[in-house]
């Protein structure tokens, strides 16, 4: 049987999207934890490294959950956004506690800003994907109309 090949630009686009999510997650993790790390006078590099690694894990899980829920299972963006929200919440609280943070106000502030930045990044990536898909659908319709005439 004839097997249709995947378009060569699809794989690099997926890799590019993943790298953007991971880079954004790392930046968010550093930005959210840095004020608490500086305020606690903890050793900067180990604490910042832990925070960035935690953010990378949170970002990877959140992106995977959004993809599975929105694109494969539910086909509704709300389910994907809710999954991202709860993954960021659980990941930030657990990461903070495992990292040794015990001040509830610090955990709350880190979680609040992680949610704000993480959900903003998720919304941006979702909008970018929707615009790209709409443009591709429009181009497909144009090609069909031109080839059918």
Protein backbone atom coordinates (compact mmCIF):
# COMPACT_ATOMS: atom_id res chain seq x y z
CA UNK A 1 0.00 0.00 0.00
CA UNK A 2 0.99 3.57 -0.62
CA UNK A 3 2.15 5.27 2.55
CA UNK A 4 1.81 9.02 2.76
CA UNK A 5 4.96 10.75 3.97
CA UNK A 6 4.84 13.43 6.61
CA UNK A 7 5.60 16.90 5.30
CA UNK A 8 9.28 17.70 6.06
CA UNK A 9 8.43 21.07 7.64
CA UNK A 10 6.12 19.47 10.24
CA UNK A 11 8.83 17.91 12.39
CA UNK A 12 11.00 21.04 12.68
CA UNK A 13 7.89 23.12 13.49
CA UNK A 14 7.01 20.74 16.33
CA UNK A 15 10.58 20.86 17.62
CA UNK A 16 10.58 24.65 17.37
CA UNK A 17 7.32 24.87 19.32
CA UNK A 18 8.69 22.55 22.01
CA UNK A 19 11.88 24.58 22.33
CA UNK A 20 9.87 27.80 22.66
CA UNK A 21 7.76 26.26 25.43
CA UNK A 22 10.82 24.95 27.27
CA UNK A 23 12.73 28.22 26.95
CA UNK A 24 9.71 30.17 28.17
CA UNK A 25 9.26 27.74 31.06
CA UNK A 26 12.89 28.11 32.10
CA UNK A 27 12.65 31.91 32.02
CA UNK A 28 9.41 31.83 34.03
CA UNK A 29 10.96 29.47 36.58
CA UNK A 30 13.95 31.73 37.05
CA UNK A 31 11.88 34.92 37.20
CA UNK A 32 9.39 33.51 39.67
CA UNK A 33 11.94 32.03 42.07
CA UNK A 34 14.69 34.65 41.89
CA UNK A 35 13.13 37.17 44.32
CA UNK A 36 12.51 34.43 46.89
CA UNK A 37 16.01 33.00 46.46
CA UNK A 38 17.61 36.42 46.89
CA UNK A 39 15.38 37.21 49.87
CA UNK A 40 16.22 33.94 51.61
CA UNK A 41 19.96 34.40 51.08
CA UNK A 42 20.21 30.81 49.81
CA UNK A 43 23.10 29.90 47.50
CA UNK A 44 22.00 31.43 44.21
CA UNK A 45 23.22 28.96 41.58
CA UNK A 46 21.95 25.68 43.09
CA UNK A 47 18.56 27.17 44.00
CA UNK A 48 18.15 28.82 40.61
CA UNK A 49 19.14 25.60 38.84
CA UNK A 50 16.54 23.64 40.83
CA UNK A 51 13.92 26.23 39.99
CA UNK A 52 14.70 26.20 36.27
CA UNK A 53 14.71 22.38 36.16
CA UNK A 54 11.38 22.29 38.01
CA UNK A 55 9.94 24.80 35.54
CA UNK A 56 11.18 22.73 32.60
CA UNK A 57 9.40 19.65 33.96
CA UNK A 58 6.22 21.65 34.63
CA UNK A 59 6.35 23.18 31.13
CA UNK A 60 6.91 19.83 29.44
CA UNK A 61 4.03 18.17 31.31
CA UNK A 62 1.73 21.15 30.76
CA UNK A 63 2.46 21.27 27.02
CA UNK A 64 1.94 17.52 26.67
CA UNK A 65 -1.32 17.64 28.65
CA UNK A 66 -2.63 20.54 26.58
CA UNK A 67 -1.75 18.76 23.36
CA UNK A 68 -3.37 15.49 24.39
CA UNK A 69 -6.52 17.06 25.83
CA UNK A 70 -7.10 19.72 23.20
CA UNK A 71 -5.85 18.13 20.01
CA UNK A 72 -6.59 14.46 20.65
CA UNK A 73 -9.24 13.85 23.33
CA UNK A 74 -11.63 16.71 24.03
CA UNK A 75 -11.11 19.10 21.10
CA UNK A 76 -12.05 21.97 23.42
CA UNK A 77 -9.44 24.50 24.51
CA UNK A 78 -10.96 24.88 28.00
CA UNK A 79 -9.96 21.33 28.93
CA UNK A 80 -6.39 21.99 27.86
CA UNK A 81 -6.20 25.31 29.72
CA UNK A 82 -7.61 23.72 32.90
CA UNK A 83 -5.03 20.95 32.71
CA UNK A 84 -2.23 23.50 32.29
CA UNK A 85 -3.56 25.52 35.24
CA UNK A 86 -3.61 22.53 37.59
CA UNK A 87 -0.23 21.23 36.42
CA UNK A 88 1.37 24.64 37.04
CA UNK A 89 -0.34 24.85 40.43
CA UNK A 90 0.70 21.38 41.60
CA UNK A 91 4.18 21.61 40.10
CA UNK A 92 4.95 25.00 41.62
CA UNK A 93 3.69 24.08 45.08
CA UNK A 94 5.45 20.70 45.08
CA UNK A 95 8.63 22.17 43.60
CA UNK A 96 8.64 24.89 46.24
CA UNK A 97 8.14 22.44 49.08
CA UNK A 98 10.73 19.99 47.77
CA UNK A 99 13.14 22.90 47.27
CA UNK A 100 12.85 23.72 50.96
CA UNK A 101 10.51 26.71 50.85
CA UNK A 102 8.25 26.73 53.90
CA UNK A 103 6.84 30.27 53.93
CA UNK A 104 3.21 30.09 52.70
CA UNK A 105 3.38 33.68 51.44
CA UNK A 106 6.42 32.87 49.28
CA UNK A 107 4.76 29.74 47.90
CA UNK A 108 1.59 31.70 47.18
CA UNK A 109 3.48 34.48 45.38
CA UNK A 110 5.56 32.06 43.33
CA UNK A 111 2.44 30.09 42.40
CA UNK A 112 0.50 33.24 41.52
CA UNK A 113 3.18 34.57 39.18
CA UNK A 114 3.92 31.13 37.73
CA UNK A 115 0.22 30.79 36.91
CA UNK A 116 0.00 34.29 35.41
CA UNK A 117 3.07 33.89 33.21
CA UNK A 118 2.44 30.23 32.39
CA UNK A 119 -1.17 30.74 31.37
CA UNK A 120 -0.18 33.80 29.33
CA UNK A 121 2.42 31.73 27.50
CA UNK A 122 -0.11 28.94 26.96
CA UNK A 123 -2.65 31.41 25.55
CA UNK A 124 0.01 32.91 23.27
CA UNK A 125 1.05 29.50 21.93
CA UNK A 126 -2.60 28.50 21.46
CA UNK A 127 -3.39 31.70 19.56
CA UNK A 128 -0.27 31.28 17.41
CA UNK A 129 -1.33 27.72 16.55
CA UNK A 130 -4.91 28.73 15.75
CA UNK A 131 -3.74 31.53 13.46
CA UNK A 132 -1.32 29.19 11.70
CA UNK A 133 -4.00 26.52 11.24
CA UNK A 134 -6.50 29.08 9.92
CA UNK A 135 -3.94 30.34 7.43
CA UNK A 136 -3.16 26.80 6.29
CA UNK A 137 -6.87 25.97 5.90
CA UNK A 138 -7.38 29.13 3.85
CA UNK A 139 -4.43 28.24 1.62
CA UNK A 140 -5.76 24.68 1.15
CA UNK A 141 -9.16 26.05 0.07
CA UNK A 142 -7.45 28.42 -2.37
CA UNK A 143 -5.39 25.59 -3.85
CA UNK A 144 -8.46 23.39 -4.24
CA UNK A 145 -10.40 26.20 -5.91
CA UNK A 146 -7.51 26.94 -8.29
CA UNK A 147 -6.88 23.30 -9.19
CA UNK A 148 -10.59 22.55 -9.67
CA UNK A 149 -11.15 25.37 -12.16
